[in-house]
Amino acid sequence: MKKLRLAGPVFIEEMNPESWIEAVKKEGYRAAVCPIDHTASHDEIERYRMIADKNDIMIAEVGAWSNPISSNKEERKAALDYCKKQLDLAEKIGAKCCVNIAGSRGLQWDGPHHDNFSDETFSMIVDSVREIIDEVNPTRTHFTLETLPWIFPDSADSYLSLIKAIDRKGLAVHLDPVNMISNPRLFFHNGEMIRDAFKKLGPFIKCCHAKDITMSNEFMVHLDEVRPGKGSLNYQVLLTELNRLDIDTPIILEHLPSQEEYRLAAAYVREKAAELNISL
């Protein structure tokens, strides 16, 4: 039977491999976000890798959150270096992927800017991703870009264009369907959008973020991220499509303020999966 792997952050006072794996298992997760960064020693990386393998916990993603296309040369250089080191960590620890956003041309590293959808920015993203992948040359993991509403890739089609332009085996897809919903049409028809994304990107998808989205009645359009189960994301479609991918695809909860909120989110996702006879 194909099984998705649910993942989410855990809150630990004193982090070590033993306390981390105990907390992950306590929450019933079968996958986890990488608990260390590239500054960890070789021995520490090996301890986390081995205890995860021993307990059948997949390390789903290593975050490389930074701005490799920053207009500030020093920030851009530091971000590229950080992405390379985090991708190397993902390779060493056996993570499913290393994930970042493409960045932003503005002052806010993950914010909107009028140049974000320019041809120049597209080329900058291509060059930065190629440089990161070529430096590390991963064979066990992949570098991925999370979809966002105000920078490439913001849709399945723009992601396909990037995949073709970057042309590297080390590139894959980290899908966040909530981040692709940027207008009322996509909000009300997000099931169709999700099906289209999996039809076009399915072979490249390594991880997926799990959250939810609401739209208020205020003028102008106002969209808000909320806990899974509190919004209108079509989880029936999302889980069905994810379950058609390779076995053990991770679906990762994020952006919640407490362990209790994560437990409520996990309960909702598990409930929807059970309705579809999908095991998490």
Protein backbone atom coordinates (compact mmCIF):
# COMPACT_ATOMS: atom_id res chain seq x y z
CA MET A 1 0.00 0.00 0.00
CA LYS A 2 1.22 3.46 -0.82
CA LYS A 3 1.69 5.58 2.28
CA LEU A 4 2.09 9.31 2.60
CA ARG A 5 4.27 10.51 5.43
CA LEU A 6 2.89 13.29 7.60
CA ALA A 7 5.46 15.66 9.11
CA GLY A 8 5.49 18.70 11.31
CA PRO A 9 7.73 20.68 13.67
CA VAL A 10 8.18 19.52 17.26
CA PHE A 11 8.82 21.75 20.25
CA ILE A 12 11.76 20.55 22.37
CA GLU A 13 13.52 22.32 25.24
CA GLU A 14 16.81 20.44 24.88
CA MET A 15 17.50 19.24 21.33
CA ASN A 16 19.47 16.07 20.76
CA PRO A 17 18.91 13.03 18.52
CA GLU A 18 17.16 11.04 21.24
CA SER A 19 14.81 13.81 22.41
CA TRP A 20 14.07 14.76 18.81
CA ILE A 21 13.13 11.27 17.65
CA GLU A 22 11.04 10.71 20.78
CA ALA A 23 9.09 13.93 20.12
CA VAL A 24 8.56 13.09 16.44
CA LYS A 25 7.23 9.62 17.29
CA LYS A 26 5.05 10.99 20.09
CA GLU A 27 3.22 13.15 17.53
CA GLY A 28 2.70 10.13 15.28
CA TYR A 29 4.72 11.63 12.44
CA ARG A 30 6.48 9.40 9.93
CA ALA A 31 8.57 12.27 8.57
CA ALA A 32 10.19 15.38 10.00
CA VAL A 33 11.83 18.67 9.15
CA CYS A 34 15.61 18.49 9.54
CA PRO A 35 16.39 19.53 13.13
CA ILE A 36 19.96 20.76 12.51
CA ASP A 37 21.76 23.00 10.03
CA HIS A 38 25.03 22.79 8.13
CA THR A 39 27.06 23.98 11.11
CA ALA A 40 26.52 20.60 12.80
CA SER A 41 29.53 18.32 13.01
CA HIS A 42 29.90 15.21 10.87
CA ASP A 43 29.28 13.03 13.92
CA GLU A 44 26.12 14.94 14.83
CA ILE A 45 24.77 14.68 11.29
CA GLU A 46 25.43 10.93 11.34
CA ARG A 47 23.68 10.51 14.70
CA TYR A 48 20.53 12.19 13.41
CA ARG A 49 20.65 10.27 10.14
CA MET A 50 21.09 6.93 11.84
CA ILE A 51 18.42 7.43 14.49
CA ALA A 52 15.95 8.57 11.82
CA ASP A 53 16.70 5.48 9.71
CA LYS A 54 16.44 3.17 12.72
CA ASN A 55 13.00 4.52 13.61
CA ASP A 56 11.68 4.76 10.02
CA ILE A 57 11.44 8.55 10.15
CA MET A 58 12.06 10.31 6.85
CA ILE A 59 13.86 13.64 7.02
CA ALA A 60 11.59 15.40 4.57
CA GLU A 61 13.25 18.75 4.03
CA VAL A 62 16.26 20.85 4.88
CA GLY A 63 15.38 24.53 4.78
CA ALA A 64 17.68 26.95 2.97
CA TRP A 65 15.57 30.06 3.54
CA SER A 66 17.46 33.01 2.06
CA ASN A 67 17.52 35.40 -0.91
CA PRO A 68 19.86 34.19 -3.69
CA ILE A 69 18.60 36.89 -6.07
CA SER A 70 18.96 39.80 -3.66
CA SER A 71 19.86 43.18 -5.15
CA ASN A 72 22.44 43.45 -2.38
CA LYS A 73 25.56 41.67 -3.62
CA GLU A 74 26.75 40.67 -0.17
CA GLU A 75 23.34 39.28 0.80
CA ARG A 76 23.13 37.43 -2.50
CA LYS A 77 26.59 35.89 -2.06
CA ALA A 78 25.80 34.84 1.52
CA ALA A 79 22.49 33.32 0.42
CA LEU A 80 24.08 31.29 -2.37
CA ASP A 81 26.73 30.02 0.04
CA TYR A 82 24.07 29.10 2.60
CA CYS A 83 21.97 27.25 0.01
CA LYS A 84 25.00 25.23 -1.09
CA LYS A 85 25.84 24.27 2.48
CA GLN A 86 22.25 23.35 3.29
CA LEU A 87 21.95 21.27 0.11
CA ASP A 88 25.15 19.49 1.07
CA LEU A 89 23.62 18.81 4.50
CA ALA A 90 20.50 17.39 2.83
CA GLU A 91 22.73 15.09 0.78
CA LYS A 92 24.66 13.91 3.84
CA ILE A 93 21.67 13.38 6.11
CA GLY A 94 19.57 11.71 3.43
CA ALA A 95 16.78 14.28 3.28
CA LYS A 96 14.10 14.08 0.62
CA CYS A 97 14.96 17.60 -0.51
CA CYS A 98 16.52 20.95 0.30
CA VAL A 99 14.00 23.77 -0.10
CA ASN A 100 14.15 27.52 -0.55
CA ILE A 101 12.04 30.12 -2.26
CA ALA A 102 13.46 31.80 -5.36
CA GLY A 103 13.93 35.00 -3.36
CA SER A 104 12.88 38.56 -4.15
CA ARG A 105 14.26 41.67 -5.83
CA GLY A 106 12.94 43.83 -3.00
CA LEU A 107 14.17 44.61 0.50
CA GLN A 108 12.02 41.88 2.03
CA TRP A 109 13.66 38.57 1.12
CA ASP A 110 10.31 36.78 0.73
CA GLY A 111 8.13 39.71 -0.30
CA PRO A 112 6.60 41.23 -3.44
CA HIS A 113 8.45 43.58 -5.78
CA HIS A 114 7.62 45.06 -9.17
CA ASP A 115 10.62 43.32 -10.78
CA ASN A 116 9.87 39.84 -9.43
CA PHE A 117 8.12 38.68 -12.60
CA SER A 118 10.55 40.20 -15.10
CA ASP A 119 12.56 38.20 -17.63
CA GLU A 120 15.70 39.38 -15.85
CA THR A 121 14.49 37.88 -12.58
CA PHE A 122 13.63 34.60 -14.28
CA SER A 123 17.19 34.44 -15.62
CA MET A 124 18.62 35.27 -12.20
CA ILE A 125 16.67 32.39 -10.66
CA VAL A 126 17.92 30.02 -13.35
CA ASP A 127 21.53 31.08 -12.78
CA SER A 128 21.33 30.90 -8.99
CA VAL A 129 19.74 27.43 -8.93
CA ARG A 130 22.24 26.10 -11.46
CA GLU A 131 25.13 27.44 -9.38
CA ILE A 132 23.78 25.84 -6.20
CA ILE A 133 23.17 22.44 -7.78
CA ASP A 134 26.40 22.38 -9.78
CA GLU A 135 28.47 23.18 -6.70
CA VAL A 136 27.03 20.30 -4.65
CA ASN A 137 26.07 17.86 -7.42
CA PRO A 138 23.54 15.96 -5.27
CA THR A 139 22.78 12.32 -6.01
CA ARG A 140 20.51 11.36 -3.08
CA THR A 141 18.54 14.55 -2.61
CA HIS A 142 17.19 17.45 -4.71
CA PHE A 143 17.17 21.21 -4.55
CA THR A 144 13.63 22.56 -4.71
CA LEU A 145 11.87 25.92 -4.93
CA GLU A 146 8.67 26.46 -2.97
CA THR A 147 5.83 27.97 -4.97
CA LEU A 148 4.90 31.53 -3.97
CA PRO A 149 2.25 34.02 -5.18
CA TRP A 150 4.69 36.86 -5.97
CA ILE A 151 7.77 35.28 -7.52
CA PHE A 152 8.53 32.46 -9.93
CA PRO A 153 7.44 29.69 -9.62
CA ASP A 154 3.88 30.86 -8.91
CA SER A 155 2.08 28.23 -10.99
CA ALA A 156 2.56 24.81 -12.52
CA ASP A 157 3.32 26.37 -15.89
CA SER A 158 5.97 28.77 -14.55
CA TYR A 159 7.53 25.88 -12.62
CA LEU A 160 7.70 23.82 -15.79
CA SER A 161 9.38 26.74 -17.55
CA LEU A 162 11.98 26.93 -14.77
CA ILE A 163 12.60 23.18 -14.82
CA LYS A 164 13.21 23.31 -18.56
CA ALA A 165 15.45 26.40 -18.35
CA ILE A 166 17.51 25.20 -15.35
CA ASP A 167 17.95 21.76 -16.93
CA ARG A 168 19.48 19.98 -13.94
CA LYS A 169 18.68 16.49 -12.61
CA GLY A 170 19.25 17.82 -9.11
CA LEU A 171 16.21 20.10 -9.36
CA ALA A 172 12.76 19.00 -8.17
CA VAL A 173 9.45 20.49 -7.01
CA HIS A 174 8.31 21.44 -3.51
CA LEU A 175 4.58 22.05 -3.88
CA ASP A 176 2.66 24.48 -1.70
CA PRO A 177 -0.84 24.75 -3.18
CA VAL A 178 -1.96 27.46 -0.75
CA ASN A 179 0.88 29.68 -1.98
CA MET A 180 -0.41 29.31 -5.53
CA ILE A 181 -3.84 30.73 -4.70
CA SER A 182 -3.64 34.43 -5.47
CA ASN A 183 -7.13 35.36 -6.68
CA PRO A 184 -10.83 34.43 -6.18
CA ARG A 185 -10.96 32.22 -9.27
CA LEU A 186 -8.14 30.01 -7.99
CA PHE A 187 -9.57 30.13 -4.47
CA PHE A 188 -12.98 28.80 -5.48
CA HIS A 189 -11.57 26.31 -7.99
CA ASN A 190 -8.45 25.21 -6.12
CA GLY A 191 -9.27 21.52 -6.63
CA GLU A 192 -8.92 21.98 -10.37
CA MET A 193 -5.72 23.96 -9.86
CA ILE A 194 -4.28 21.16 -7.71
CA ARG A 195 -5.16 18.49 -10.27
CA ASP A 196 -3.53 20.54 -13.01
CA ALA A 197 -0.39 21.01 -10.91
CA PHE A 198 -0.02 17.28 -10.31
CA LYS A 199 -0.73 16.49 -13.96
CA LYS A 200 2.11 18.78 -15.04
CA LEU A 201 4.55 18.47 -12.14
CA GLY A 202 3.82 15.05 -10.66
CA PRO A 203 7.07 13.31 -11.67
CA PHE A 204 9.10 16.15 -10.11
CA ILE A 205 7.24 16.58 -6.79
CA LYS A 206 9.28 15.53 -3.75
CA CYS A 207 7.46 17.28 -0.88
CA CYS A 208 4.28 19.21 -0.17
CA HIS A 209 3.38 21.77 2.48
CA ALA A 210 0.04 21.37 4.27
CA LYS A 211 -1.89 24.42 5.37
CA ASP A 212 -5.19 26.11 4.46
CA ILE A 213 -6.58 29.38 3.15
CA THR A 214 -9.59 31.65 3.62
CA MET A 215 -10.92 34.66 1.72
CA SER A 216 -12.79 37.47 3.46
CA ASN A 217 -15.68 39.49 2.07
CA GLU A 218 -13.66 42.68 2.32
CA PHE A 219 -12.89 44.79 -0.71
CA MET A 220 -10.28 44.36 -2.21
CA VAL A 221 -9.38 40.67 -2.30
CA HIS A 222 -7.97 39.53 1.03
CA LEU A 223 -6.57 36.00 1.48
CA ASP A 224 -5.31 34.54 4.74
CA GLU A 225 -3.38 31.40 5.65
CA VAL A 226 -5.07 29.33 8.36
CA ARG A 227 -4.75 25.95 10.04
CA PRO A 228 -5.75 22.92 7.95
CA GLY A 229 -9.49 22.43 8.37
CA LYS A 230 -10.23 26.12 8.92
CA GLY A 231 -10.23 27.11 5.26
CA SER A 232 -11.27 26.03 1.79
CA LEU A 233 -8.31 24.07 0.40
CA ASN A 234 -9.57 20.89 -1.24
CA TYR A 235 -7.76 18.28 0.86
CA GLN A 236 -9.65 15.45 -0.79
CA VAL A 237 -8.06 16.32 -4.12
CA LEU A 238 -4.67 17.13 -2.61
CA LEU A 239 -4.36 13.85 -0.70
CA THR A 240 -5.68 11.80 -3.61
CA GLU A 241 -3.13 13.31 -5.97
CA LEU A 242 -0.27 12.98 -3.48
CA ASN A 243 -1.13 9.33 -2.95
CA ARG A 244 -0.59 8.69 -6.67
CA LEU A 245 3.04 9.73 -6.39
CA ASP A 246 5.98 7.59 -5.32
CA ILE A 247 5.57 5.79 -2.03
CA ASP A 248 6.48 7.76 1.11
CA THR A 249 5.89 11.27 -0.22
CA PRO A 250 5.99 13.65 2.77
CA ILE A 251 3.28 16.22 3.50
CA ILE A 252 4.55 18.82 5.96
CA LEU A 253 2.53 20.95 8.37
CA GLU A 254 3.92 24.45 8.95
CA HIS A 255 3.43 27.99 10.27
CA LEU A 256 1.47 27.16 13.43
CA PRO A 257 2.26 28.73 16.83
CA SER A 258 2.13 25.75 19.19
CA GLN A 259 2.30 21.97 19.43
CA GLU A 260 -1.43 21.89 20.23
CA GLU A 261 -2.22 23.72 17.00
CA TYR A 262 -0.08 21.23 15.10
CA ARG A 263 -1.96 18.36 16.75
CA LEU A 264 -5.28 19.82 15.62
CA ALA A 265 -3.93 20.27 12.11
CA ALA A 266 -2.55 16.72 12.04
CA ALA A 267 -5.89 15.35 13.26
CA TYR A 268 -7.72 17.08 10.43
CA VAL A 269 -5.32 15.85 7.74
CA ARG A 270 -5.47 12.31 9.15
CA GLU A 271 -9.28 12.45 9.21
CA LYS A 272 -9.43 13.49 5.55
CA ALA A 273 -6.91 10.81 4.62
CA ALA A 274 -8.91 8.14 6.47
CA GLU A 275 -12.03 9.13 4.53
CA LEU A 276 -10.08 8.30 1.36
CA ASN A 277 -8.60 5.09 2.82
CA ILE A 278 -5.15 6.69 2.61
CA SER A 279 -2.66 5.77 5.30
CA LEU A 280 -0.41 8.41 6.85
